[in-house]
Amino acid sequence: AAKMEIDLGNLAKGLHTGDSVAINGVCLTATSISNNQAEFEMIGETLKKTNLGMIKPGDKVNIERSLKVGERMEGHFVLGHIDGTGKIVKIEKLPKEIKFWIELSKDLARFVVKKGSITVDGISLTLVDVIKNKISISIIPHTMKITNLGSKKIGDKVNIETDILGKYTISKN
């Protein structure tokens, strides 16, 4: 197993060993906590299916604490169970948005639909376009500023979690 230590800042408040935290959309268990630093262990499957093994010290990551029962939920159901990675193949800077084109494996692409939901590095988003195994997402400047998408470039891998409702629908047919 590999280990990763992350400074959670204010998100560490009230965090206990054994609590779940999503890092780039990957649900991980905090194995130790000291001040604002949390340590996480990752098994081989996690390293194989996600971009966590590529993270270097100083890289920006998306961090989200688990939703508590009774809290307001926005977006779509995100479980933190990554289906695989996609590769950024094009970034279009438009007047009020940035459009990312991401190439998916054929296996992942079968679970996406135009205007459907997808999670990219833990960010709940709406698909703009789906063309064969390529998808596009449009990002507003605020999201670019508060997530790691602002530091992404062509060729980078991003974690993809497809919509659970789509997976259930396909698995029942």
Protein backbone atom coordinates (compact mmCIF):
# COMPACT_ATOMS: atom_id res chain seq x y z
CA ALA A 1 0.00 0.00 0.00
CA ALA A 2 1.13 3.56 -0.72
CA LYS A 3 0.72 6.44 1.71
CA MET A 4 -0.15 10.08 1.11
CA GLU A 5 -0.10 12.96 3.59
CA ILE A 6 -2.24 16.01 2.88
CA ASP A 7 -2.65 19.34 4.66
CA LEU A 8 -6.43 19.63 4.97
CA GLY A 9 -6.38 23.13 6.45
CA ASN A 10 -9.74 24.03 8.05
CA LEU A 11 -11.30 20.84 6.66
CA ALA A 12 -9.35 18.89 9.30
CA LYS A 13 -11.52 20.35 12.07
CA GLY A 14 -13.43 17.52 13.73
CA LEU A 15 -11.81 14.86 11.52
CA HIS A 16 -11.01 11.58 13.26
CA THR A 17 -8.94 8.57 12.33
CA GLY A 18 -11.22 6.29 10.30
CA ASP A 19 -13.25 9.12 8.76
CA SER A 20 -13.68 9.25 4.99
CA VAL A 21 -12.34 12.13 2.90
CA ALA A 22 -12.53 12.43 -0.89
CA ILE A 23 -9.22 13.38 -2.52
CA ASN A 24 -9.70 14.18 -6.24
CA GLY A 25 -13.00 12.34 -5.90
CA VAL A 26 -11.47 9.17 -4.42
CA CYS A 27 -12.99 8.11 -1.10
CA LEU A 28 -10.08 7.47 1.27
CA THR A 29 -9.88 6.67 4.98
CA ALA A 30 -7.83 8.92 7.25
CA THR A 31 -5.34 6.58 8.93
CA SER A 32 -3.75 9.24 11.15
CA ILE A 33 -4.26 12.92 11.86
CA SER A 34 -1.87 15.44 13.38
CA ASN A 35 -2.78 19.14 13.46
CA ASN A 36 -4.22 19.74 9.97
CA GLN A 37 -2.22 16.91 8.35
CA ALA A 38 -4.04 13.68 7.50
CA GLU A 39 -2.44 10.49 6.26
CA PHE A 40 -4.19 8.13 3.86
CA GLU A 41 -3.24 4.65 2.63
CA MET A 42 -4.05 3.51 -0.89
CA ILE A 43 -4.20 -0.06 -2.17
CA GLY A 44 -2.98 -1.18 -5.60
CA GLU A 45 -6.47 -1.00 -7.14
CA THR A 46 -6.79 2.65 -6.08
CA LEU A 47 -3.42 3.52 -7.62
CA LYS A 48 -4.29 1.62 -10.82
CA LYS A 49 -7.75 3.16 -11.36
CA THR A 50 -7.04 6.77 -10.29
CA ASN A 51 -4.58 9.61 -10.74
CA LEU A 52 -3.52 9.59 -7.07
CA GLY A 53 -0.26 7.75 -7.79
CA MET A 54 0.77 10.63 -10.10
CA ILE A 55 0.37 13.37 -7.49
CA LYS A 56 3.58 15.12 -6.49
CA PRO A 57 4.23 17.21 -3.36
CA GLY A 58 2.78 20.68 -3.90
CA ASP A 59 0.17 19.58 -6.47
CA LYS A 60 -3.29 21.04 -5.90
CA VAL A 61 -5.95 18.43 -5.11
CA ASN A 62 -9.69 18.65 -4.56
CA ILE A 63 -10.68 17.79 -0.99
CA GLU A 64 -14.19 17.10 0.28
CA ARG A 65 -15.40 15.75 3.59
CA SER A 66 -18.19 13.19 3.61
CA LEU A 67 -21.78 14.40 3.54
CA LYS A 68 -23.59 13.98 6.85
CA VAL A 69 -27.14 12.67 6.96
CA GLY A 70 -29.56 15.58 6.98
CA GLU A 71 -27.21 18.02 5.23
CA ARG A 72 -28.24 19.79 2.07
CA MET A 73 -27.13 17.94 -1.05
CA GLU A 74 -26.37 19.71 -4.31
CA GLY A 75 -25.33 18.21 -7.64
CA HIS A 76 -25.75 14.47 -8.09
CA PHE A 77 -24.95 11.37 -6.04
CA VAL A 78 -21.17 11.08 -5.82
CA LEU A 79 -19.88 7.97 -4.06
CA GLY A 80 -16.12 8.39 -4.32
CA HIS A 81 -15.82 5.08 -6.19
CA ILE A 82 -13.76 6.00 -9.24
CA ASP A 83 -14.52 4.11 -12.45
CA GLY A 84 -11.26 5.04 -14.17
CA THR A 85 -9.36 7.99 -15.55
CA GLY A 86 -9.89 10.19 -18.57
CA LYS A 87 -7.29 12.21 -20.46
CA ILE A 88 -7.68 15.93 -21.16
CA VAL A 89 -7.29 16.28 -24.94
CA LYS A 90 -8.40 19.88 -25.51
CA ILE A 91 -8.98 23.03 -23.45
CA GLU A 92 -10.99 25.85 -25.02
CA LYS A 93 -10.89 29.27 -23.36
CA LEU A 94 -14.20 30.94 -24.16
CA PRO A 95 -15.41 34.40 -23.00
CA LYS A 96 -17.11 33.28 -19.76
CA GLU A 97 -16.16 29.63 -19.47
CA ILE A 98 -13.41 27.09 -20.04
CA LYS A 99 -14.42 23.99 -22.00
CA PHE A 100 -12.49 20.79 -21.30
CA TRP A 101 -12.59 17.88 -23.72
CA ILE A 102 -11.80 14.57 -22.04
CA GLU A 103 -11.18 11.24 -23.74
CA LEU A 104 -12.63 8.20 -21.96
CA SER A 105 -12.10 4.50 -22.45
CA LYS A 106 -14.90 2.82 -24.42
CA ASP A 107 -15.91 1.04 -21.21
CA LEU A 108 -16.45 4.35 -19.39
CA ALA A 109 -17.99 6.11 -22.39
CA ARG A 110 -20.96 3.73 -22.44
CA PHE A 111 -22.17 5.21 -19.13
CA VAL A 112 -22.32 8.86 -20.23
CA VAL A 113 -25.10 10.83 -21.93
CA LYS A 114 -25.32 14.42 -23.11
CA LYS A 115 -26.60 16.66 -20.30
CA GLY A 116 -26.05 13.81 -17.85
CA SER A 117 -23.98 13.97 -14.67
CA ILE A 118 -20.33 13.09 -14.26
CA THR A 119 -17.68 13.58 -11.61
CA VAL A 120 -14.25 14.81 -12.71
CA ASP A 121 -11.60 14.78 -9.95
CA GLY A 122 -14.46 14.86 -7.44
CA ILE A 123 -16.31 17.79 -9.03
CA SER A 124 -19.98 17.13 -9.83
CA LEU A 125 -20.55 18.42 -13.36
CA THR A 126 -23.00 18.31 -16.26
CA LEU A 127 -21.86 16.87 -19.57
CA VAL A 128 -22.12 19.37 -22.41
CA ASP A 129 -21.18 17.15 -25.35
CA VAL A 130 -20.70 13.42 -25.83
CA ILE A 131 -19.07 12.42 -29.13
CA LYS A 132 -18.11 8.74 -29.23
CA ASN A 133 -15.62 8.36 -26.38
CA LYS A 134 -14.97 12.10 -25.91
CA ILE A 135 -16.91 14.29 -23.51
CA SER A 136 -16.91 18.00 -22.82
CA ILE A 137 -17.58 19.91 -19.63
CA SER A 138 -17.82 23.69 -19.28
CA ILE A 139 -16.33 25.33 -16.22
CA ILE A 140 -17.13 28.80 -14.89
CA PRO A 141 -14.25 30.99 -13.62
CA HIS A 142 -15.28 30.47 -9.96
CA THR A 143 -14.93 26.67 -10.27
CA MET A 144 -11.58 27.09 -12.06
CA LYS A 145 -10.36 29.18 -9.13
CA ILE A 146 -11.47 26.92 -6.25
CA THR A 147 -10.62 23.51 -7.77
CA ASN A 148 -7.56 21.89 -9.30
CA LEU A 149 -9.00 22.34 -12.82
CA GLY A 150 -7.24 25.70 -13.03
CA SER A 151 -3.88 23.92 -13.03
CA LYS A 152 -4.80 21.17 -15.52
CA LYS A 153 -3.25 20.97 -18.97
CA ILE A 154 -3.64 18.86 -22.10
CA GLY A 155 -2.48 15.29 -21.45
CA ASP A 156 -3.32 15.33 -17.73
CA LYS A 157 -5.33 12.43 -16.35
CA VAL A 158 -8.44 13.11 -14.30
CA ASN A 159 -10.47 10.75 -12.13
CA ILE A 160 -13.86 9.86 -13.56
CA GLU A 161 -16.89 8.63 -11.65
CA THR A 162 -19.85 8.07 -13.93
CA ASP A 163 -23.40 8.60 -12.70
CA ILE A 164 -24.57 5.73 -10.50
CA LEU A 165 -28.07 5.89 -12.02
CA GLY A 166 -26.63 5.25 -15.48
CA LYS A 167 -24.60 2.32 -14.18
CA TYR A 168 -27.65 0.76 -12.53
CA THR A 169 -29.74 1.28 -15.67
CA ILE A 170 -27.19 -0.41 -17.91
CA SER A 171 -26.54 -3.26 -15.45
CA LYS A 172 -30.26 -4.13 -15.42
CA ASN A 173 -30.59 -4.28 -19.22
